[in-house]
Protein backbone atom coordinates (compact mmCIF):
# COMPACT_ATOMS: atom_id res chain seq x y z
CA MET A 1 -35.01 75.38 135.42
CA ILE A 2 -33.54 77.00 132.25
CA ARG A 3 -29.96 75.93 131.65
CA VAL A 4 -27.85 78.65 130.03
CA LEU A 5 -24.39 78.44 128.38
CA LEU A 6 -22.42 81.80 128.20
CA ALA A 7 -20.18 82.03 125.08
CA ASP A 8 -18.10 85.27 124.90
CA ASP A 9 -14.32 85.65 124.53
CA GLN A 10 -14.32 88.44 127.18
CA ALA A 11 -14.25 87.01 130.75
CA LEU A 12 -15.60 90.35 132.14
CA VAL A 13 -18.65 90.14 129.86
CA ARG A 14 -19.32 86.61 130.88
CA ALA A 15 -19.04 87.50 134.50
CA GLY A 16 -21.45 90.38 134.13
CA PHE A 17 -24.08 88.10 132.53
CA ARG A 18 -23.39 85.37 135.21
CA MET A 19 -24.02 87.96 138.04
CA ILE A 20 -27.26 89.01 136.36
CA LEU A 21 -28.57 85.54 135.87
CA LYS A 22 -27.52 84.41 139.36
CA THR A 23 -30.31 86.41 140.83
CA GLU A 24 -32.93 84.36 138.75
CA SER A 25 -34.07 81.22 140.62
CA GLU A 26 -35.30 79.46 137.56
CA ILE A 27 -32.11 80.19 135.47
CA GLU A 28 -28.84 78.28 135.91
CA VAL A 29 -25.67 78.99 134.13
CA VAL A 30 -24.17 75.53 133.42
CA GLY A 31 -21.02 76.55 131.54
CA GLU A 32 -18.85 79.29 129.98
CA ALA A 33 -16.99 79.27 126.66
CA GLY A 34 -14.29 81.58 125.54
CA ASP A 35 -14.54 80.78 121.78
CA GLY A 36 -16.92 79.10 119.40
CA ALA A 37 -15.28 75.77 119.27
CA GLU A 38 -15.49 75.57 123.09
CA ALA A 39 -19.07 76.62 122.90
CA VAL A 40 -19.88 73.79 120.48
CA ALA A 41 -18.11 71.20 122.69
CA LEU A 42 -19.74 72.42 125.92
CA ALA A 43 -23.28 72.62 124.26
CA ARG A 44 -23.01 68.89 123.49
CA GLU A 45 -21.48 68.04 127.01
CA VAL A 46 -23.84 70.13 129.32
CA ALA A 47 -26.94 70.19 127.23
CA PRO A 48 -28.11 73.84 127.83
CA ASP A 49 -31.46 75.10 126.92
CA VAL A 50 -30.15 78.48 125.73
CA VAL A 51 -26.85 79.52 124.49
CA LEU A 52 -26.00 83.26 124.85
CA MET A 53 -23.56 83.60 121.81
CA ASP A 54 -21.23 86.44 121.04
CA VAL A 55 -20.43 86.41 117.21
CA ARG A 56 -16.92 87.68 117.26
CA MET A 57 -14.85 85.14 118.90
CA PRO A 58 -11.57 83.43 118.10
CA VAL A 59 -10.91 79.89 116.96
CA MET A 60 -14.41 79.61 115.62
CA ASP A 61 -16.75 82.59 115.36
CA GLY A 62 -20.38 82.51 116.86
CA ILE A 63 -21.79 82.15 113.40
CA GLU A 64 -20.29 78.73 112.66
CA ALA A 65 -20.72 77.71 116.24
CA THR A 66 -24.48 78.60 116.00
CA ARG A 67 -24.75 76.59 112.73
CA GLN A 68 -23.14 73.48 114.50
CA ILE A 69 -25.21 73.81 117.61
CA VAL A 70 -28.63 74.00 116.12
CA GLY A 71 -27.95 71.49 113.40
CA GLY A 72 -29.78 68.58 115.09
CA ASP A 73 -33.06 67.58 116.73
CA ASP A 74 -33.77 68.78 120.36
CA THR A 75 -30.80 71.15 120.18
CA PRO A 76 -30.21 74.36 122.36
CA ARG A 77 -31.66 77.74 121.28
CA VAL A 78 -29.12 80.31 120.46
CA LEU A 79 -29.58 83.98 121.44
CA VAL A 80 -27.01 86.11 119.78
CA LEU A 81 -25.34 89.00 121.59
CA THR A 82 -24.14 91.97 119.77
CA THR A 83 -22.87 95.61 120.16
CA PHE A 84 -24.52 96.83 117.13
CA ASP A 85 -28.20 96.08 115.87
CA LEU A 86 -27.50 96.38 112.22
CA ASP A 87 -24.64 94.05 111.70
CA GLU A 88 -23.70 91.63 108.93
CA TYR A 89 -22.47 89.12 111.74
CA VAL A 90 -25.98 89.33 113.30
CA TYR A 91 -27.70 88.58 109.92
CA GLN A 92 -25.46 85.74 109.26
CA ALA A 93 -26.16 84.33 112.74
CA LEU A 94 -29.86 84.60 112.20
CA ARG A 95 -29.49 82.87 108.90
CA ALA A 96 -27.33 80.08 110.64
CA GLY A 97 -30.31 79.32 113.01
CA ALA A 98 -30.20 81.71 115.95
CA SER A 99 -33.49 82.40 117.57
CA GLY A 100 -32.92 86.06 117.95
CA PHE A 101 -30.45 88.60 119.15
CA LEU A 102 -29.98 91.11 121.96
CA LEU A 103 -27.71 94.19 122.31
CA LYS A 104 -25.06 93.61 124.90
CA ASP A 105 -26.19 96.69 126.74
CA ALA A 106 -29.80 95.71 126.84
CA PRO A 107 -31.45 96.17 130.34
CA GLU A 108 -31.23 93.28 132.73
CA ASN A 109 -35.04 92.60 132.44
CA GLN A 110 -34.80 92.32 128.62
CA LEU A 111 -32.01 89.74 128.97
CA ILE A 112 -33.88 87.60 131.42
CA ALA A 113 -37.18 88.00 129.42
CA GLY A 114 -35.28 87.12 126.16
CA ILE A 115 -33.79 83.89 127.68
CA ARG A 116 -37.31 82.88 128.90
CA ILE A 117 -38.90 83.54 125.55
CA VAL A 118 -36.27 81.57 123.64
CA ALA A 119 -36.16 78.64 126.10
CA SER A 120 -39.90 78.31 125.67
CA GLY A 121 -39.59 77.79 122.07
CA GLY A 122 -40.22 81.43 120.83
CA SER A 123 -38.07 83.79 118.87
CA LEU A 124 -36.76 87.12 120.22
CA PHE A 125 -38.20 88.98 117.23
CA ALA A 126 -37.91 92.73 117.51
CA PRO A 127 -39.69 93.43 114.22
CA ALA A 128 -38.44 96.88 113.43
CA VAL A 129 -34.74 96.08 114.05
CA THR A 130 -34.79 92.62 112.53
CA ARG A 131 -36.53 93.87 109.46
CA ARG A 132 -34.09 96.66 108.90
CA LEU A 133 -31.25 94.27 109.47
CA ILE A 134 -32.56 91.74 106.89
CA GLU A 135 -33.60 94.40 104.34
CA ARG A 136 -30.11 95.81 104.67
CA PHE A 137 -28.20 92.54 104.01
CA ALA A 138 -30.61 90.22 102.24
CA GLY A 139 -31.83 92.96 99.73
CA SER A 140 -28.33 93.09 98.19
CA ARG A 141 -27.95 89.52 97.59
CA PRO A 142 -30.71 87.79 95.74
CA VAL A 143 -30.87 83.94 96.34
CA ALA A 144 -32.64 81.38 94.18
CA GLN A 145 -35.97 80.49 95.52
CA PRO A 146 -35.92 77.21 97.43
CA PRO A 147 -37.98 74.57 95.70
CA ALA A 148 -40.01 73.96 98.86
CA LEU A 149 -41.65 77.45 98.29
CA SER A 150 -43.64 76.04 95.54
CA GLU A 151 -45.25 73.66 98.14
CA LEU A 152 -46.71 76.63 99.95
CA THR A 153 -50.44 77.37 99.29
CA PRO A 154 -51.28 80.95 98.13
CA ARG A 155 -52.64 81.76 101.70
CA GLU A 156 -49.41 80.25 103.25
CA LEU A 157 -47.23 82.52 101.09
CA GLU A 158 -49.36 85.43 102.08
CA VAL A 159 -48.94 84.65 105.70
CA LEU A 160 -45.18 84.18 105.21
CA GLY A 161 -45.16 87.76 103.67
CA LEU A 162 -46.96 89.17 106.67
CA ILE A 163 -44.49 87.39 109.05
CA ALA A 164 -41.63 89.06 107.25
CA ARG A 165 -43.15 92.37 107.68
CA GLY A 166 -43.08 91.86 111.48
CA LEU A 167 -46.71 91.13 112.13
CA SER A 168 -47.58 89.06 115.16
CA ASN A 169 -50.13 86.07 114.79
CA ALA A 170 -52.83 88.34 116.24
CA GLU A 171 -52.12 91.12 113.64
CA ILE A 172 -52.04 88.59 110.80
CA ALA A 173 -55.39 87.27 111.89
CA ALA A 174 -56.86 90.72 111.94
CA THR A 175 -55.34 91.50 108.47
CA LEU A 176 -56.64 88.27 106.93
CA VAL A 177 -59.94 88.22 108.93
CA VAL A 178 -59.33 84.71 110.25
CA SER A 179 -58.86 83.29 113.71
CA GLU A 180 -55.53 83.39 115.45
CA HIS A 181 -55.69 79.58 115.66
CA THR A 182 -55.88 79.34 111.96
CA VAL A 183 -52.72 81.67 111.54
CA LYS A 184 -50.84 79.39 114.07
CA THR A 185 -51.72 76.49 111.89
CA HIS A 186 -50.56 78.28 108.63
CA VAL A 187 -47.26 79.23 110.49
CA ALA A 188 -46.71 75.77 111.61
CA HIS A 189 -47.20 74.42 108.02
CA ILE A 190 -44.95 76.99 106.58
CA LEU A 191 -42.04 76.13 109.00
CA GLN A 192 -42.57 72.36 108.34
CA LYS A 193 -42.75 72.66 104.55
CA LEU A 194 -39.65 74.98 104.34
CA ASP A 195 -37.84 72.93 107.07
CA LEU A 196 -37.29 76.09 109.18
CA ARG A 197 -36.58 76.26 112.94
CA ASP A 198 -38.63 79.40 113.72
CA ARG A 199 -40.12 82.65 112.63
CA VAL A 200 -36.73 84.43 112.34
CA GLN A 201 -35.51 81.92 109.69
CA ALA A 202 -38.77 82.45 107.83
CA VAL A 203 -38.23 86.17 107.78
CA VAL A 204 -34.62 85.67 106.44
CA LEU A 205 -35.80 83.26 103.85
CA ALA A 206 -38.73 85.54 102.77
CA TYR A 207 -36.44 88.45 102.05
CA GLU A 208 -33.73 86.40 100.38
CA ALA A 209 -36.23 84.63 98.13
CA GLY A 210 -37.99 87.81 97.07
CA VAL A 211 -41.31 86.94 98.74
CA VAL A 212 -41.00 90.38 100.39
CA ARG A 213 -39.14 93.10 98.87
CA PRO A 214 -36.93 95.46 100.95
CA GLY A 215 -38.72 98.62 101.78
CA ALA A 216 -42.19 97.00 101.64
CA SER A 217 -44.71 98.48 103.89
CA SER A 218 -45.05 97.05 107.38
CA GLY A 219 -48.70 97.46 107.58
């Protein structure tokens, strides 16, 4: 059973998501929050697997709520809900540790599939949209390279760059002429060395640190 917490300041939006998820036998809505502070408190109380998080909420916005919810070990995954795909708030939420984002008007099957992907430890990583989003907002704000980047091997840096361009493990394996298992090992080492939660955070860091430049070819 996948336990889901709904966080949105509009009761009608929460009701809509609840109705959709009610039809799925393996998904259970375990709580609803009308603002970020309530979402943080409920996440600690009901221990959901996934939080569907709106970013624009009173009291505490979804960005700070995301940061607080994913700050520890064995914490829920956060799936950001947004009205616009190219949005500074979404970028900040991904940077804060969200595992991906969905448009609020996404088809029901996309919502359900996204919850399953995130609950299983994956990232909802739509390469084209996420890449455009990060190019738009990260490219204008150079950030000092984290010292941990120097711990990456040349091959790991290469893999990080390919992740940032939106390539899957299979595509990276084909590009580098190595096995997919080898790529998975490189990705695991990259996340561990850089203390990152998932591929989305790796992409954000790669653009901010200049490992990949905005406008770089996707393949």
